[in-house]
Amino acid sequence: MATIRMFNAVRPAIKKVDRIAALPYDVYNRKEAVEVVKGNPDSFLAIDRAETSFDDSVDTYDDKVYAKAKELLENKIAVGDFVTEEAPMYYIYALTMDGRTQHGFVACASIDDYENQVIKKHENTRADKEKDRIRHVDTCSMQTGPIFLAYRQTDALKKLMQEQVAKTPLYDFTSEDGIRHQVWQISDVDSQEIVRGSFDAMDAIYIADGHHRCASAVKVGKLRREANPDFTGDEEFNFFLSVLFPEDELCIMDYNRVLKDLNGYTKEELLDKMAQDFVIEEKTQVFKPQKKGEVGFYCDGKWYAMTAKEHCFSENPVDNLDVSILQNKVLEPLFDIKDPKTDSRIDFVGGIRGLAELERRCAEDCKAAFSMYPTDICELFSVADAGLLMPPKSTWFEPKLRSGLFLHKI
């Protein structure tokens, strides 16, 4: 069973919501974050990345940065830019991009479910990346960025969602990047019970995006438990802010690879070696893979379509991923890239940037690129259900959930 419960949201005042809602903290570097906050001081990024309040002489992870985040947040609440919901409730958060809408339930998930693997992950996390968010959440006593969870659709939740979104939304605005954001409150008891009961009947839900934010929230909860040995399990620090989407509404985009060198090979030598595992065809224009097993290869101004041969596929759900086939048949044996997470000769380009970005990188600082067919959500579920982990940079979800729309006080 999955414990998905209501919470007393701290949320933006309606008049400020479009200025406060911000992309996640980790999509920007420090320089980019400074520019965003300079252009919009109300952006929640000013709190999520409070180093933007200081010049470069102050380290991003200085104690005063986290203290500043807490100060800015408390000031925003004090002046009425945020309101605190009087009663706990669920919400629906809809994001519309390019005519496609995905609807999720906003709620709090249990750190025990994460620990007991009712909430399943498909990526490892790095302690150094967790540390920053642990300090931010712990200092602010507030979870500020929701975890993107996925679940298998049910008739009851689908029907409820349709009924709720027919009502007038609490928020309805379009962000600068053209994404429409809508929020509805689920305030009636009968509907709340359908949500609670439906998730209670599920034996698994899945982290789609936000593994580091999730791990950080869980670790803060465990720290609070240690500091409060008489905890009951009902305290807010035992739960973390989430948005749960049905798998049939999600879009995973391609996550492409660019390489800094050819590892001593010529293009012709690489094509010859890759032909052992792929059927290769030269193309006259950009090649975007259209089905599983297809990979695009770009080098020396030319595009090639590569189709994996039958022997490349596996019963193992990780080895059967297209990104794994590329890693095992090309990147490791030919480019000597054993760990793409740490090897400086490989970089990753999210599909939102388009394939022209691969050509641009190859003209600027890289020698070759691979365009990928997107990982399927069912593949993600299969890997997580098997207790396995995907290779780095296997999935790119769009659109991104906004931070600052919902805050969970712990």
Protein backbone atom coordinates (compact mmCIF):
# COMPACT_ATOMS: atom_id res chain seq x y z
CA MET A 1 0.00 0.00 0.00
CA ALA A 2 1.15 3.54 -0.74
CA THR A 3 0.44 6.21 1.86
CA ILE A 4 -0.39 9.39 -0.05
CA ARG A 5 -1.82 12.00 2.26
CA MET A 6 -3.20 15.52 2.26
CA PHE A 7 -1.25 18.49 3.60
CA ASN A 8 -1.69 22.14 4.59
CA ALA A 9 -0.05 23.76 1.61
CA VAL A 10 1.88 26.98 1.81
CA ARG A 11 1.17 28.41 -1.64
CA PRO A 12 1.49 31.70 -3.55
CA ALA A 13 -1.15 34.39 -3.35
CA ILE A 14 -3.15 34.29 -6.58
CA LYS A 15 -1.94 37.76 -7.63
CA LYS A 16 1.71 36.65 -7.38
CA VAL A 17 1.62 33.02 -8.54
CA ASP A 18 2.81 33.62 -12.10
CA ARG A 19 5.83 35.59 -10.90
CA ILE A 20 6.74 33.23 -8.05
CA ALA A 21 6.52 29.84 -9.82
CA ALA A 22 10.00 28.89 -11.07
CA LEU A 23 11.76 26.08 -12.88
CA PRO A 24 13.63 23.64 -10.60
CA TYR A 25 16.82 24.89 -8.97
CA ASP A 26 19.03 22.37 -10.77
CA VAL A 27 18.26 23.43 -14.35
CA TYR A 28 20.41 26.54 -13.92
CA ASN A 29 24.06 27.21 -13.19
CA ARG A 30 24.87 30.05 -10.79
CA LYS A 31 25.32 32.69 -13.49
CA GLU A 32 22.02 31.78 -15.14
CA ALA A 33 20.21 31.80 -11.77
CA VAL A 34 21.52 35.29 -11.01
CA GLU A 35 20.16 36.57 -14.33
CA VAL A 36 16.73 35.02 -13.73
CA VAL A 37 16.43 36.57 -10.27
CA LYS A 38 17.70 39.92 -11.54
CA GLY A 39 14.92 39.91 -14.15
CA ASN A 40 12.27 38.76 -11.67
CA PRO A 41 13.05 39.26 -7.96
CA ASP A 42 9.77 37.47 -7.09
CA SER A 43 10.98 34.23 -8.69
CA PHE A 44 11.15 31.37 -6.24
CA LEU A 45 14.63 30.75 -7.60
CA ALA A 46 15.77 33.57 -5.28
CA ILE A 47 14.91 31.24 -2.38
CA ASP A 48 15.86 27.93 -4.00
CA ARG A 49 19.23 29.39 -5.03
CA ALA A 50 19.83 32.01 -2.36
CA GLU A 51 23.46 32.46 -3.46
CA THR A 52 21.91 34.82 -6.01
CA SER A 53 21.71 37.35 -3.15
CA PHE A 54 25.51 37.42 -2.87
CA ASP A 55 28.44 38.18 -5.12
CA ASP A 56 30.77 35.44 -6.32
CA SER A 57 33.04 35.80 -3.29
CA VAL A 58 30.41 33.91 -1.25
CA ASP A 59 30.50 30.18 -1.90
CA THR A 60 27.30 28.58 -3.19
CA TYR A 61 27.23 26.28 -0.16
CA ASP A 62 28.17 28.84 2.51
CA ASP A 63 26.10 28.71 5.71
CA LYS A 64 24.88 32.25 5.07
CA VAL A 65 23.31 31.12 1.77
CA TYR A 66 20.96 28.72 3.56
CA ALA A 67 20.23 31.28 6.28
CA LYS A 68 19.36 33.76 3.53
CA ALA A 69 16.96 31.28 1.94
CA LYS A 70 15.14 30.92 5.25
CA GLU A 71 15.04 34.71 5.71
CA LEU A 72 13.68 35.34 2.22
CA LEU A 73 11.03 32.65 2.59
CA GLU A 74 9.84 33.89 5.96
CA ASN A 75 9.67 37.46 4.65
CA LYS A 76 7.60 36.34 1.65
CA ILE A 77 5.14 34.62 3.97
CA ALA A 78 5.03 37.59 6.35
CA VAL A 79 4.14 40.11 3.63
CA GLY A 80 1.39 37.90 2.21
CA ASP A 81 3.05 36.69 -0.97
CA PHE A 82 2.28 33.18 0.32
CA VAL A 83 -0.79 31.92 2.14
CA THR A 84 -1.09 28.84 4.34
CA GLU A 85 -4.04 26.55 3.73
CA GLU A 86 -6.22 26.24 6.83
CA ALA A 87 -7.25 22.66 6.11
CA PRO A 88 -5.24 19.79 4.66
CA MET A 89 -6.26 18.79 1.14
CA TYR A 90 -5.12 17.31 -2.14
CA TYR A 91 -4.63 19.33 -5.30
CA ILE A 92 -4.53 18.64 -9.03
CA TYR A 93 -1.69 20.24 -10.99
CA ALA A 94 -2.00 20.29 -14.79
CA LEU A 95 0.75 21.29 -17.20
CA THR A 96 0.02 21.86 -20.89
CA MET A 97 2.87 21.88 -23.42
CA ASP A 98 2.49 21.84 -27.20
CA GLY A 99 -1.19 20.96 -26.88
CA ARG A 100 -0.60 17.97 -24.58
CA THR A 101 -1.76 18.10 -20.94
CA GLN A 102 -0.68 15.95 -18.01
CA HIS A 103 -2.60 16.02 -14.72
CA GLY A 104 -1.08 15.06 -11.37
CA PHE A 105 -2.24 14.79 -7.78
CA VAL A 106 -0.32 17.03 -5.40
CA ALA A 107 0.11 15.34 -2.02
CA CYS A 108 2.69 14.08 0.44
CA ALA A 109 4.29 10.64 0.19
CA SER A 110 5.78 8.61 3.02
CA ILE A 111 9.50 8.32 3.72
CA ASP A 112 8.78 4.81 5.01
CA ASP A 113 7.35 3.87 1.61
CA TYR A 114 10.61 5.09 0.07
CA GLU A 115 12.68 3.09 2.54
CA ASN A 116 10.53 -0.03 2.06
CA GLN A 117 10.61 0.31 -1.76
CA VAL A 118 6.89 0.85 -2.17
CA ILE A 119 8.16 4.02 -3.84
CA LYS A 120 10.55 2.59 -6.40
CA LYS A 121 13.59 4.35 -7.85
CA HIS A 122 15.50 3.74 -11.07
CA GLU A 123 18.59 5.89 -10.43
CA ASN A 124 21.34 6.04 -7.85
CA THR A 125 21.95 9.34 -6.09
CA ARG A 126 25.19 11.11 -5.23
CA ALA A 127 25.84 12.26 -1.66
CA ASP A 128 27.44 15.52 -2.79
CA LYS A 129 24.31 16.50 -4.75
CA GLU A 130 22.04 15.51 -1.85
CA LYS A 131 23.92 17.59 0.72
CA ASP A 132 22.84 20.96 -0.71
CA ARG A 133 19.11 20.13 -0.66
CA ILE A 134 19.36 18.49 2.75
CA ARG A 135 20.73 21.75 4.17
CA HIS A 136 18.18 23.84 2.28
CA VAL A 137 15.15 21.82 3.44
CA ASP A 138 16.47 21.45 6.98
CA THR A 139 17.29 25.14 7.39
CA CYS A 140 14.01 26.37 5.90
CA SER A 141 11.95 23.58 7.54
CA MET A 142 10.12 23.53 4.24
CA GLN A 143 10.11 21.27 1.19
CA THR A 144 10.02 23.62 -1.77
CA GLY A 145 10.33 21.42 -4.88
CA PRO A 146 7.95 18.50 -5.45
CA ILE A 147 9.12 15.01 -6.38
CA PHE A 148 7.77 13.82 -9.74
CA LEU A 149 6.12 10.42 -9.11
CA ALA A 150 4.28 8.15 -11.53
CA TYR A 151 1.58 5.54 -11.00
CA ARG A 152 -0.39 3.09 -13.10
CA GLN A 153 -3.70 4.67 -14.09
CA THR A 154 -6.94 3.48 -12.45
CA ASP A 155 -10.52 4.01 -13.57
CA ALA A 156 -11.46 5.63 -10.24
CA LEU A 157 -8.64 8.19 -10.33
CA LYS A 158 -9.19 8.94 -14.01
CA LYS A 159 -12.91 9.58 -13.45
CA LEU A 160 -12.22 11.74 -10.39
CA MET A 161 -9.61 13.76 -12.27
CA GLN A 162 -12.05 14.45 -15.11
CA GLU A 163 -14.71 15.62 -12.65
CA GLN A 164 -12.36 17.89 -10.74
CA VAL A 165 -10.77 19.65 -13.73
CA ALA A 166 -14.24 20.57 -15.03
CA LYS A 167 -14.42 23.02 -12.11
CA THR A 168 -12.92 26.51 -11.93
CA PRO A 169 -9.17 26.31 -11.20
CA LEU A 170 -7.47 28.01 -8.29
CA TYR A 171 -4.54 29.01 -10.53
CA ASP A 172 -4.41 29.33 -14.30
CA PHE A 173 -1.40 31.03 -15.89
CA THR A 174 1.11 30.58 -18.68
CA SER A 175 4.80 30.80 -17.87
CA GLU A 176 7.38 32.55 -20.03
CA ASP A 177 8.31 29.30 -21.78
CA GLY A 178 4.74 28.84 -23.01
CA ILE A 179 3.71 26.14 -20.52
CA ARG A 180 0.20 26.52 -19.13
CA HIS A 181 -0.15 25.75 -15.41
CA GLN A 182 -3.49 25.04 -13.74
CA VAL A 183 -4.27 24.02 -10.18
CA TRP A 184 -7.48 22.78 -8.59
CA GLN A 185 -8.20 22.11 -4.90
CA ILE A 186 -9.80 18.80 -3.97
CA SER A 187 -11.73 20.00 -0.95
CA ASP A 188 -14.74 17.65 -0.67
CA VAL A 189 -14.39 14.68 1.64
CA ASP A 190 -15.76 12.06 -0.75
CA SER A 191 -13.23 12.96 -3.45
CA GLN A 192 -10.41 13.07 -0.92
CA GLU A 193 -11.32 9.56 0.19
CA ILE A 194 -11.23 8.28 -3.40
CA VAL A 195 -7.71 9.64 -3.79
CA ARG A 196 -6.53 8.23 -0.48
CA GLY A 197 -8.15 4.85 -0.98
CA SER A 198 -6.96 4.47 -4.57
CA PHE A 199 -3.32 4.99 -3.68
CA ASP A 200 -3.71 2.90 -0.54
CA ALA A 201 -4.59 -0.03 -2.83
CA MET A 202 -1.43 0.34 -4.93
CA ASP A 203 1.58 -1.81 -4.17
CA ALA A 204 4.03 0.46 -6.02
CA ILE A 205 4.53 3.99 -7.27
CA TYR A 206 7.62 5.23 -9.07
CA ILE A 207 10.05 8.13 -8.98
CA ALA A 208 10.01 9.56 -12.49
CA ASP A 209 12.21 12.60 -11.84
CA GLY A 210 13.79 14.16 -8.77
CA HIS A 211 15.76 11.28 -7.23
CA HIS A 212 18.14 13.65 -5.43
CA ARG A 213 15.35 15.85 -4.07
CA CYS A 214 13.57 12.72 -2.88
CA ALA A 215 16.63 11.21 -1.19
CA SER A 216 17.34 14.56 0.47
CA ALA A 217 13.79 14.89 1.81
CA VAL A 218 13.97 11.36 3.21
CA LYS A 219 17.30 12.04 4.93
CA VAL A 220 15.98 15.24 6.50
CA GLY A 221 12.99 13.26 7.78
CA LYS A 222 15.32 10.68 9.32
CA LEU A 223 17.39 13.44 10.92
CA ARG A 224 14.22 14.86 12.47
CA ARG A 225 13.31 11.41 13.75
CA GLU A 226 16.70 11.13 15.44
CA ALA A 227 16.18 14.55 17.03
CA ASN A 228 12.66 13.53 18.16
CA PRO A 229 12.97 9.94 19.41
CA ASP A 230 9.34 9.97 20.60
CA PHE A 231 8.03 10.66 17.09
CA THR A 232 4.71 9.01 16.23
CA GLY A 233 5.16 8.77 12.45
CA ASP A 234 2.37 11.27 11.87
CA GLU A 235 4.61 14.36 11.97
CA GLU A 236 5.04 16.26 8.71
CA PHE A 237 8.75 15.45 8.52
CA ASN A 238 7.75 11.83 7.87
CA PHE A 239 6.35 12.84 4.46
CA PHE A 240 7.64 14.59 1.36
CA LEU A 241 6.01 16.84 -1.21
CA SER A 242 5.09 15.06 -4.44
CA VAL A 243 3.07 15.31 -7.63
CA LEU A 244 1.80 11.94 -8.85
CA PHE A 245 1.02 11.49 -12.55
CA PRO A 246 -0.64 8.54 -14.32
CA GLU A 247 1.73 6.80 -16.71
CA ASP A 248 -0.59 7.20 -19.70
CA GLU A 249 -0.25 11.00 -19.63
CA LEU A 250 3.53 11.25 -19.34
CA CYS A 251 6.00 12.22 -22.03
CA ILE A 252 9.63 11.10 -21.90
CA MET A 253 11.86 12.85 -24.41
CA ASP A 254 15.08 11.66 -25.95
CA TYR A 255 18.31 12.16 -23.99
CA ASN A 256 21.11 12.45 -26.51
CA ARG A 257 24.89 12.02 -26.30
CA VAL A 258 27.79 14.12 -27.63
CA LEU A 259 31.43 13.02 -27.59
CA LYS A 260 34.52 15.21 -27.32
CA ASP A 261 36.76 12.94 -29.45
CA LEU A 262 36.72 9.81 -31.60
CA ASN A 263 39.16 7.92 -29.37
CA GLY A 264 41.76 7.77 -32.14
CA TYR A 265 39.44 6.33 -34.79
CA THR A 266 38.44 7.85 -38.10
CA LYS A 267 34.75 8.13 -38.88
CA GLU A 268 35.07 5.35 -41.45
CA GLU A 269 36.72 3.03 -38.93
CA LEU A 270 33.93 3.71 -36.41
CA LEU A 271 31.23 3.03 -39.00
CA ASP A 272 32.93 -0.23 -39.93
CA LYS A 273 33.12 -1.40 -36.31
CA MET A 274 29.57 -0.30 -35.44
CA ALA A 275 28.28 -2.24 -38.46
CA GLN A 276 28.91 -5.44 -36.48
CA ASP A 277 25.97 -4.56 -34.23
CA PHE A 278 23.93 -2.08 -36.29
CA VAL A 279 22.56 -1.80 -39.81
CA ILE A 280 23.84 1.61 -40.90
CA GLU A 281 22.41 3.88 -43.59
CA GLU A 282 23.71 7.33 -44.57
CA LYS A 283 21.01 10.04 -44.48
CA THR A 284 20.76 13.36 -46.31
CA GLN A 285 19.27 15.20 -43.32
CA VAL A 286 18.94 15.12 -39.54
CA PHE A 287 17.96 11.65 -38.34
CA LYS A 288 15.51 11.44 -35.44
CA PRO A 289 14.93 7.82 -34.36
CA GLN A 290 11.32 6.73 -34.80
CA LYS A 291 11.27 3.42 -32.95
CA LYS A 292 13.07 1.37 -30.34
CA GLY A 293 16.46 0.14 -31.50
CA GLU A 294 17.12 3.09 -33.79
CA VAL A 295 20.01 5.48 -33.10
CA GLY A 296 21.21 8.51 -35.05
CA PHE A 297 24.95 9.05 -35.53
CA TYR A 298 26.33 12.47 -36.54
CA CYS A 299 29.97 13.01 -37.46
CA ASP A 300 31.89 15.17 -39.94
CA GLY A 301 28.69 16.92 -41.04
CA LYS A 302 26.90 13.67 -41.98
CA TRP A 303 23.95 11.86 -40.37
CA TYR A 304 23.57 8.08 -40.28
CA ALA A 305 20.64 5.89 -39.19
CA MET A 306 21.74 2.94 -37.07
CA THR A 307 19.34 0.07 -36.39
CA ALA A 308 20.38 -2.42 -33.69
CA LYS A 309 20.62 -6.03 -34.86
CA GLU A 310 18.60 -8.72 -33.11
CA HIS A 311 21.49 -10.00 -30.98
CA CYS A 312 21.75 -6.58 -29.27
CA PHE A 313 18.45 -7.00 -27.40
CA SER A 314 18.16 -8.68 -24.00
CA GLU A 315 15.69 -10.18 -21.56
CA ASN A 316 17.28 -8.01 -18.87
CA PRO A 317 15.21 -4.78 -18.62
CA VAL A 318 18.31 -2.61 -18.13
CA ASP A 319 20.43 -4.17 -20.89
CA ASN A 320 17.43 -3.93 -23.23
CA LEU A 321 17.25 -0.12 -22.98
CA ASP A 322 18.44 1.73 -26.07
CA VAL A 323 20.84 3.80 -23.94
CA SER A 324 22.31 0.54 -22.58
CA ILE A 325 22.70 -0.95 -26.06
CA LEU A 326 24.59 2.17 -27.13
CA GLN A 327 26.71 2.06 -23.99
CA ASN A 328 27.51 -1.66 -24.24
CA LYS A 329 28.01 -1.90 -28.01
CA VAL A 330 29.52 1.49 -28.82
CA LEU A 331 30.51 3.84 -26.02
CA GLU A 332 32.46 1.39 -23.87
CA PRO A 333 34.10 -0.90 -26.48
CA LEU A 334 34.87 1.79 -29.08
CA PHE A 335 35.23 5.01 -27.09
CA ASP A 336 36.50 3.44 -23.85
CA ILE A 337 33.78 5.26 -21.87
CA LYS A 338 33.23 2.90 -18.97
CA ASP A 339 31.37 5.29 -16.67
CA PRO A 340 29.42 7.95 -18.58
CA LYS A 341 28.56 9.62 -15.30
CA THR A 342 32.16 10.62 -14.62
CA ASP A 343 33.91 10.54 -18.01
CA SER A 344 34.62 14.11 -19.17
CA ARG A 345 34.67 13.07 -22.84
CA ILE A 346 30.89 12.58 -22.98
CA ASP A 347 28.12 15.10 -22.46
CA PHE A 348 24.34 14.82 -22.55
CA VAL A 349 21.78 16.95 -24.38
CA GLY A 350 18.10 16.85 -23.39
CA GLY A 351 15.62 16.37 -26.19
CA ILE A 352 13.95 19.70 -25.41
CA ARG A 353 16.95 21.37 -27.09
CA GLY A 354 16.35 19.60 -30.41
CA LEU A 355 18.78 17.79 -32.69
CA ALA A 356 20.15 21.04 -34.12
CA GLU A 357 21.88 21.37 -30.74
CA LEU A 358 23.83 18.20 -31.50
CA GLU A 359 25.06 19.70 -34.76
CA ARG A 360 25.95 22.92 -32.98
CA ARG A 361 27.95 21.09 -30.31
CA CYS A 362 29.83 19.13 -32.96
CA ALA A 363 30.73 22.38 -34.69
CA GLU A 364 31.83 23.93 -31.42
CA ASP A 365 33.44 21.51 -28.96
CA CYS A 366 32.55 17.91 -29.91
CA LYS A 367 33.40 15.41 -32.66
CA ALA A 368 30.36 13.13 -32.77
CA ALA A 369 26.80 12.82 -31.51
CA PHE A 370 24.17 10.13 -31.03
CA SER A 371 20.45 10.88 -31.18
CA MET A 372 18.33 8.45 -29.16
CA TYR A 373 14.81 7.07 -29.22
CA PRO A 374 13.14 8.01 -25.89
CA THR A 375 12.96 5.49 -23.07
CA ASP A 376 9.37 4.32 -22.58
CA ILE A 377 7.61 4.74 -19.22
CA CYS A 378 6.86 1.01 -19.21
CA GLU A 379 10.59 0.35 -19.52
CA LEU A 380 11.16 2.60 -16.50
CA PHE A 381 8.55 0.63 -14.52
CA SER A 382 10.12 -2.69 -15.55
CA VAL A 383 13.57 -1.62 -14.41
CA ALA A 384 12.27 -0.30 -11.09
CA ASP A 385 10.09 -3.38 -10.49
CA ALA A 386 13.16 -5.59 -11.02
CA GLY A 387 15.03 -3.58 -8.37
CA LEU A 388 17.55 -2.47 -10.99
CA LEU A 389 18.96 0.92 -11.97
CA MET A 390 19.05 2.68 -15.31
CA PRO A 391 22.24 4.06 -16.82
CA PRO A 392 22.80 7.80 -16.21
CA LYS A 393 20.75 10.20 -18.32
CA SER A 394 18.22 7.64 -19.55
CA THR A 395 15.12 9.84 -19.27
CA TRP A 396 14.24 13.47 -19.90
CA PHE A 397 10.78 14.48 -18.73
CA GLU A 398 8.94 17.54 -20.03
CA PRO A 399 7.39 19.77 -18.96
CA LYS A 400 9.22 20.47 -15.71
CA LEU A 401 7.25 20.93 -12.49
CA ARG A 402 7.47 24.44 -11.04
CA SER A 403 8.98 25.09 -7.65
CA GLY A 404 7.27 27.50 -5.27
CA LEU A 405 3.73 26.54 -6.33
CA PHE A 406 3.37 24.26 -3.32
CA LEU A 407 5.45 24.29 -0.15
CA HIS A 408 5.27 21.65 2.56
CA LYS A 409 6.20 22.80 6.07
CA ILE A 410 7.94 20.12 8.09
